[in-house]
Amino acid sequence: NPLQIILTVQNDLGFGTFYVQMAELLIGYWKEVGVDVVLNSQPGPQYDENNKKNLIEATIYTGEGGAGITPLLDPRYYVPLWGGFVFDKAWAAWRTPDATGETVEVEPPQWAKDAYDKYEEVVAQPTLELQIALMREVLQEAKDRFYVIGIARPVPGYYPFHVRLHGIPDVWYDGWNEGVQKIMYPEQWFLLDE
């Protein structure tokens, strides 16, 4: 039997029909290699309800966090049970039950519990170097298990820069949860007279 996947996307986010258009493009590519994908476009409230009921097989969403230290700060795409994004919503609800009782709870397999424990070990390390070293193992397992398919890297962003502006970092980190510029300590930036 050929593989068939239902790809559920939101159609009313700030992205508008962007996810629908991207899904249609991907569906064509997958069809060329024998994967049958059915598009299920729905408004956000319906999507959220189906996500809580554990009814979404696959989706398209933003994927910040794929570079630098952001996987340490926001591991939702790499660590099962962490935050209950989509691929692990019911598992995360098992670990931390939804106070409303609306989210389906499913006990995860042992490998998923072990992956979460490994991440807990990562963040318990006393130095960034040790955290990064162990996080590489977590990321390798996520890659091997294939939770998320990354299809595009973000374009370079815009960052404050001027010859008079000082106290800015040499390296910038981006990430939705981290708040982009707020983790760069803007309170430390200052202007010098030329």
C-alpha atoms as a PDB file:
ATOM      1  CA  ASN A   1       0.000   0.000   0.000  1.00  0.00           C
ATOM      2  CA  PRO A   2       1.287   3.463  -0.811  1.00  0.00           C
ATOM      3  CA  LEU A   3       2.037   5.797   2.059  1.00  0.00           C
ATOM      4  CA  GLN A   4      -0.617   8.455   2.623  1.00  0.00           C
ATOM      5  CA  ILE A   5      -0.267  11.381   5.018  1.00  0.00           C
ATOM      6  CA  ILE A   6      -2.840  13.993   5.983  1.00  0.00           C
ATOM      7  CA  LEU A   7      -1.059  17.346   6.166  1.00  0.00           C
ATOM      8  CA  THR A   8      -3.066  19.720   8.372  1.00  0.00           C
ATOM      9  CA  VAL A   9      -2.242  23.420   8.176  1.00  0.00           C
ATOM     10  CA  GLN A  10      -3.704  26.563   9.692  1.00  0.00           C
ATOM     11  CA  ASN A  11      -5.050  29.026   7.166  1.00  0.00           C
ATOM     12  CA  ASP A  12      -5.755  32.083   9.289  1.00  0.00           C
ATOM     13  CA  LEU A  13      -2.522  32.937  11.074  1.00  0.00           C
ATOM     14  CA  GLY A  14      -0.509  36.033  10.364  1.00  0.00           C
ATOM     15  CA  PHE A  15       0.975  33.898   7.605  1.00  0.00           C
ATOM     16  CA  GLY A  16      -2.430  33.864   5.923  1.00  0.00           C
ATOM     17  CA  THR A  17      -2.521  31.404   3.055  1.00  0.00           C
ATOM     18  CA  PHE A  18       1.272  31.022   3.125  1.00  0.00           C
ATOM     19  CA  TYR A  19       1.075  27.586   4.796  1.00  0.00           C
ATOM     20  CA  VAL A  20      -1.542  26.422   2.301  1.00  0.00           C
ATOM     21  CA  GLN A  21       0.602  27.540  -0.635  1.00  0.00           C
ATOM     22  CA  MET A  22       3.687  25.906   0.858  1.00  0.00           C
ATOM     23  CA  ALA A  23       1.747  22.685   1.473  1.00  0.00           C
ATOM     24  CA  GLU A  24       0.576  22.580  -2.134  1.00  0.00           C
ATOM     25  CA  LEU A  25       4.157  22.965  -3.318  1.00  0.00           C
ATOM     26  CA  LEU A  26       5.420  20.213  -0.987  1.00  0.00           C
ATOM     27  CA  ILE A  27       2.574  17.881  -1.924  1.00  0.00           C
ATOM     28  CA  GLY A  28       3.714  18.080  -5.541  1.00  0.00           C
ATOM     29  CA  TYR A  29       7.299  17.219  -4.595  1.00  0.00           C
ATOM     30  CA  TRP A  30       6.228  14.300  -2.407  1.00  0.00           C
ATOM     31  CA  LYS A  31       3.938  12.966  -5.134  1.00  0.00           C
ATOM     32  CA  GLU A  32       6.960  12.740  -7.448  1.00  0.00           C
ATOM     33  CA  VAL A  33       8.611  10.293  -5.019  1.00  0.00           C
ATOM     34  CA  GLY A  34       5.489   8.220  -4.359  1.00  0.00           C
ATOM     35  CA  VAL A  35       4.178   9.786  -1.158  1.00  0.00           C
ATOM     36  CA  ASP A  36       0.461  10.585  -1.259  1.00  0.00           C
ATOM     37  CA  VAL A  37      -0.328  13.653   0.844  1.00  0.00           C
ATOM     38  CA  VAL A  38      -3.813  15.041   1.420  1.00  0.00           C
ATOM     39  CA  LEU A  39      -4.085  18.725   2.364  1.00  0.00           C
ATOM     40  CA  ASN A  40      -6.381  19.590   5.270  1.00  0.00           C
ATOM     41  CA  SER A  41      -6.536  23.389   5.616  1.00  0.00           C
ATOM     42  CA  GLN A  42      -8.428  24.669   8.650  1.00  0.00           C
ATOM     43  CA  PRO A  43      -8.840  27.767  10.812  1.00  0.00           C
ATOM     44  CA  GLY A  44      -6.748  28.145  13.952  1.00  0.00           C
ATOM     45  CA  PRO A  45      -9.447  27.293  16.537  1.00  0.00           C
ATOM     46  CA  GLN A  46     -10.288  24.032  14.750  1.00  0.00           C
ATOM     47  CA  TYR A  47      -6.578  23.250  14.367  1.00  0.00           C
ATOM     48  CA  ASP A  48      -5.987  23.851  18.085  1.00  0.00           C
ATOM     49  CA  GLU A  49      -8.917  21.611  19.014  1.00  0.00           C
ATOM     50  CA  ASN A  50      -7.688  18.813  16.736  1.00  0.00           C
ATOM     51  CA  ASN A  51      -4.170  19.199  18.105  1.00  0.00           C
ATOM     52  CA  LYS A  52      -5.452  18.758  21.674  1.00  0.00           C
ATOM     53  CA  LYS A  53      -7.363  15.662  20.552  1.00  0.00           C
ATOM     54  CA  ASN A  54      -4.165  14.229  19.014  1.00  0.00           C
ATOM     55  CA  LEU A  55      -5.718  14.161  15.528  1.00  0.00           C
ATOM     56  CA  ILE A  56      -2.969  15.861  13.515  1.00  0.00           C
ATOM     57  CA  GLU A  57      -0.658  13.544  11.573  1.00  0.00           C
ATOM     58  CA  ALA A  58       1.628  16.182  10.060  1.00  0.00           C
ATOM     59  CA  THR A  59       1.717  19.958   9.891  1.00  0.00           C
ATOM     60  CA  ILE A  60       3.693  22.965   8.715  1.00  0.00           C
ATOM     61  CA  TYR A  61       4.850  25.504  11.220  1.00  0.00           C
ATOM     62  CA  THR A  62       7.684  27.881  11.831  1.00  0.00           C
ATOM     63  CA  GLY A  63      10.917  26.241  12.860  1.00  0.00           C
ATOM     64  CA  GLU A  64      13.168  28.714  14.563  1.00  0.00           C
ATOM     65  CA  GLY A  65      15.774  27.178  16.791  1.00  0.00           C
ATOM     66  CA  GLY A  66      17.827  25.237  14.306  1.00  0.00           C
ATOM     67  CA  ALA A  67      21.143  27.023  14.813  1.00  0.00           C
ATOM     68  CA  GLY A  68      23.436  28.240  17.534  1.00  0.00           C
ATOM     69  CA  ILE A  69      22.356  27.626  21.106  1.00  0.00           C
ATOM     70  CA  THR A  70      18.637  28.057  20.473  1.00  0.00           C
ATOM     71  CA  PRO A  71      17.930  24.288  20.709  1.00  0.00           C
ATOM     72  CA  LEU A  72      19.122  24.524  24.322  1.00  0.00           C
ATOM     73  CA  LEU A  73      16.720  27.359  25.043  1.00  0.00           C
ATOM     74  CA  ASP A  74      13.786  26.143  22.953  1.00  0.00           C
ATOM     75  CA  PRO A  75      13.990  22.378  22.337  1.00  0.00           C
ATOM     76  CA  ARG A  76      10.385  21.869  21.233  1.00  0.00           C
ATOM     77  CA  TYR A  77      11.379  20.377  17.879  1.00  0.00           C
ATOM     78  CA  TYR A  78      14.079  18.109  19.277  1.00  0.00           C
ATOM     79  CA  VAL A  79      12.907  16.768  22.648  1.00  0.00           C
ATOM     80  CA  PRO A  80       9.744  14.671  23.054  1.00  0.00           C
ATOM     81  CA  LEU A  81       7.545  15.539  26.054  1.00  0.00           C
ATOM     82  CA  TRP A  82       9.177  18.957  26.401  1.00  0.00           C
ATOM     83  CA  GLY A  83       6.433  21.340  25.466  1.00  0.00           C
ATOM     84  CA  GLY A  84       3.813  19.498  23.551  1.00  0.00           C
ATOM     85  CA  PHE A  85       4.130  21.135  20.183  1.00  0.00           C
ATOM     86  CA  VAL A  86       2.429  18.873  17.637  1.00  0.00           C
ATOM     87  CA  PHE A  87       4.399  15.657  17.281  1.00  0.00           C
ATOM     88  CA  ASP A  88       4.368  15.172  21.057  1.00  0.00           C
ATOM     89  CA  LYS A  89       1.287  17.051  22.308  1.00  0.00           C
ATOM     90  CA  ALA A  90      -0.355  14.010  23.915  1.00  0.00           C
ATOM     91  CA  TRP A  91       2.963  12.833  25.393  1.00  0.00           C
ATOM     92  CA  ALA A  92       3.624  16.234  26.950  1.00  0.00           C
ATOM     93  CA  ALA A  93       0.097  16.230  28.409  1.00  0.00           C
ATOM     94  CA  TRP A  94       0.885  12.858  29.988  1.00  0.00           C
ATOM     95  CA  ARG A  95       3.993  14.349  31.622  1.00  0.00           C
ATOM     96  CA  THR A  96       2.332  17.631  32.592  1.00  0.00           C
ATOM     97  CA  PRO A  97      -1.451  17.206  32.489  1.00  0.00           C
ATOM     98  CA  ASP A  98      -3.536  19.969  30.965  1.00  0.00           C
ATOM     99  CA  ALA A  99      -5.387  21.692  33.829  1.00  0.00           C
ATOM    100  CA  THR A 100      -8.495  21.977  31.653  1.00  0.00           C
ATOM    101  CA  GLY A 101      -8.511  18.269  30.836  1.00  0.00           C
ATOM    102  CA  GLU A 102      -9.030  19.101  27.148  1.00  0.00           C
ATOM    103  CA  THR A 103      -5.772  17.616  25.874  1.00  0.00           C
ATOM    104  CA  VAL A 104      -5.558  13.895  25.209  1.00  0.00           C
ATOM    105  CA  GLU A 105      -2.889  12.222  27.351  1.00  0.00           C
ATOM    106  CA  VAL A 106      -0.887   9.336  25.906  1.00  0.00           C
ATOM    107  CA  GLU A 107       1.909   7.597  27.761  1.00  0.00           C
ATOM    108  CA  PRO A 108       4.963   7.873  25.535  1.00  0.00           C
ATOM    109  CA  PRO A 109       7.201   4.956  24.611  1.00  0.00           C
ATOM    110  CA  GLN A 110      10.313   4.437  26.717  1.00  0.00           C
ATOM    111  CA  TRP A 111      12.634   5.887  24.059  1.00  0.00           C
ATOM    112  CA  ALA A 112      10.721   9.205  24.248  1.00  0.00           C
ATOM    113  CA  LYS A 113      10.942   9.257  28.053  1.00  0.00           C
ATOM    114  CA  ASP A 114      14.672   8.543  27.776  1.00  0.00           C
ATOM    115  CA  ALA A 115      15.110  11.392  25.272  1.00  0.00           C
ATOM    116  CA  TYR A 116      13.414  13.802  27.675  1.00  0.00           C
ATOM    117  CA  ASP A 117      15.599  12.581  30.558  1.00  0.00           C
ATOM    118  CA  LYS A 118      18.652  13.184  28.382  1.00  0.00           C
ATOM    119  CA  TYR A 119      17.572  16.800  27.834  1.00  0.00           C
ATOM    120  CA  GLU A 120      17.068  17.215  31.588  1.00  0.00           C
ATOM    121  CA  GLU A 121      20.656  16.013  31.971  1.00  0.00           C
ATOM    122  CA  VAL A 122      21.769  18.616  29.406  1.00  0.00           C
ATOM    123  CA  VAL A 123      20.273  21.590  31.233  1.00  0.00           C
ATOM    124  CA  ALA A 124      21.623  20.359  34.578  1.00  0.00           C
ATOM    125  CA  GLN A 125      25.215  20.748  33.378  1.00  0.00           C
ATOM    126  CA  PRO A 126      27.172  23.543  35.095  1.00  0.00           C
ATOM    127  CA  THR A 127      28.771  25.033  31.968  1.00  0.00           C
ATOM    128  CA  LEU A 128      27.584  26.028  28.516  1.00  0.00           C
ATOM    129  CA  GLU A 129      30.333  23.890  26.965  1.00  0.00           C
ATOM    130  CA  LEU A 130      29.059  20.753  28.714  1.00  0.00           C
ATOM    131  CA  GLN A 131      25.471  21.612  27.808  1.00  0.00           C
ATOM    132  CA  ILE A 132      26.404  22.010  24.146  1.00  0.00           C
ATOM    133  CA  ALA A 133      28.354  18.740  24.126  1.00  0.00           C
ATOM    134  CA  LEU A 134      25.411  16.764  25.534  1.00  0.00           C
ATOM    135  CA  MET A 135      22.867  18.647  23.433  1.00  0.00           C
ATOM    136  CA  ARG A 136      24.673  17.450  20.324  1.00  0.00           C
ATOM    137  CA  GLU A 137      23.722  13.904  21.354  1.00  0.00           C
ATOM    138  CA  VAL A 138      20.087  14.954  21.837  1.00  0.00           C
ATOM    139  CA  LEU A 139      20.072  16.608  18.406  1.00  0.00           C
ATOM    140  CA  GLN A 140      21.610  13.539  16.781  1.00  0.00           C
ATOM    141  CA  GLU A 141      18.868  11.346  18.226  1.00  0.00           C
ATOM    142  CA  ALA A 142      16.216  13.809  17.036  1.00  0.00           C
ATOM    143  CA  LYS A 143      17.790  13.667  13.588  1.00  0.00           C
ATOM    144  CA  ASP A 144      17.822   9.862  13.640  1.00  0.00           C
ATOM    145  CA  ARG A 145      14.197   9.657  14.814  1.00  0.00           C
ATOM    146  CA  PHE A 146      13.082  12.317  12.321  1.00  0.00           C
ATOM    147  CA  TYR A 147      10.531  14.219  14.426  1.00  0.00           C
ATOM    148  CA  VAL A 148      10.729  17.303  12.243  1.00  0.00           C
ATOM    149  CA  ILE A 149      11.642  17.897   8.612  1.00  0.00           C
ATOM    150  CA  GLY A 150      13.353  21.236   8.138  1.00  0.00           C
ATOM    151  CA  ILE A 151      12.854  22.544   4.620  1.00  0.00           C
ATOM    152  CA  ALA A 152      14.294  26.045   4.716  1.00  0.00           C
ATOM    153  CA  ARG A 153      16.711  28.158   6.709  1.00  0.00           C
ATOM    154  CA  PRO A 154      15.809  31.728   7.543  1.00  0.00           C
ATOM    155  CA  VAL A 155      17.407  34.521   5.614  1.00  0.00           C
ATOM    156  CA  PRO A 156      19.877  36.681   7.525  1.00  0.00           C
ATOM    157  CA  GLY A 157      18.022  39.060   9.802  1.00  0.00           C
ATOM    158  CA  TYR A 158      18.462  42.732  10.469  1.00  0.00           C
ATOM    159  CA  TYR A 159      20.403  43.718  13.548  1.00  0.00           C
ATOM    160  CA  PRO A 160      21.308  47.088  15.031  1.00  0.00           C
ATOM    161  CA  PHE A 161      24.690  48.276  13.853  1.00  0.00           C
ATOM    162  CA  HIS A 162      26.381  51.628  13.623  1.00  0.00           C
ATOM    163  CA  VAL A 163      29.941  52.808  14.184  1.00  0.00           C
ATOM    164  CA  ARG A 164      28.680  54.759  17.204  1.00  0.00           C
ATOM    165  CA  LEU A 165      26.747  51.827  18.712  1.00  0.00           C
ATOM    166  CA  HIS A 166      28.760  49.812  21.235  1.00  0.00           C
ATOM    167  CA  GLY A 167      28.064  47.019  23.685  1.00  0.00           C
ATOM    168  CA  ILE A 168      26.447  44.927  20.956  1.00  0.00           C
ATOM    169  CA  PRO A 169      27.401  41.255  20.642  1.00  0.00           C
ATOM    170  CA  ASP A 170      29.737  39.884  18.010  1.00  0.00           C
ATOM    171  CA  VAL A 171      27.293  37.015  17.397  1.00  0.00           C
ATOM    172  CA  TRP A 172      23.507  37.359  17.307  1.00  0.00           C
ATOM    173  CA  TYR A 173      21.059  34.649  18.378  1.00  0.00           C
ATOM    174  CA  ASP A 174      17.507  34.480  17.140  1.00  0.00           C
ATOM    175  CA  GLY A 175      14.585  32.536  18.474  1.00  0.00           C
ATOM    176  CA  TRP A 176      10.929  33.166  19.092  1.00  0.00           C
ATOM    177  CA  ASN A 177      10.880  32.142  22.759  1.00  0.00           C
ATOM    178  CA  GLU A 178      14.124  33.878  23.559  1.00  0.00           C
ATOM    179  CA  GLY A 179      12.799  37.183  22.306  1.00  0.00           C
ATOM    180  CA  VAL A 180      15.545  37.874  19.756  1.00  0.00           C
ATOM    181  CA  GLN A 181      16.992  41.237  20.818  1.00  0.00           C
ATOM    182  CA  LYS A 182      16.067  40.982  24.495  1.00  0.00           C
ATOM    183  CA  ILE A 183      18.560  38.123  24.968  1.00  0.00           C
ATOM    184  CA  MET A 184      21.251  40.386  23.535  1.00  0.00           C
ATOM    185  CA  TYR A 185      21.026  42.689  26.575  1.00  0.00           C
ATOM    186  CA  PRO A 186      20.019  45.930  24.835  1.00  0.00           C
ATOM    187  CA  GLU A 187      20.282  47.675  28.188  1.00  0.00           C
ATOM    188  CA  GLN A 188      24.052  47.298  27.746  1.00  0.00           C
ATOM    189  CA  TRP A 189      24.153  49.082  24.378  1.00  0.00           C
ATOM    190  CA  PHE A 190      25.393  52.641  24.281  1.00  0.00           C
ATOM    191  CA  LEU A 191      26.300  55.371  21.792  1.00  0.00           C
ATOM    192  CA  LEU A 192      29.654  57.091  21.583  1.00  0.00           C
ATOM    193  CA  ASP A 193      30.228  60.472  20.061  1.00  0.00           C
ATOM    194  CA  GLU A 194      32.131  60.268  16.792  1.00  0.00           C
END
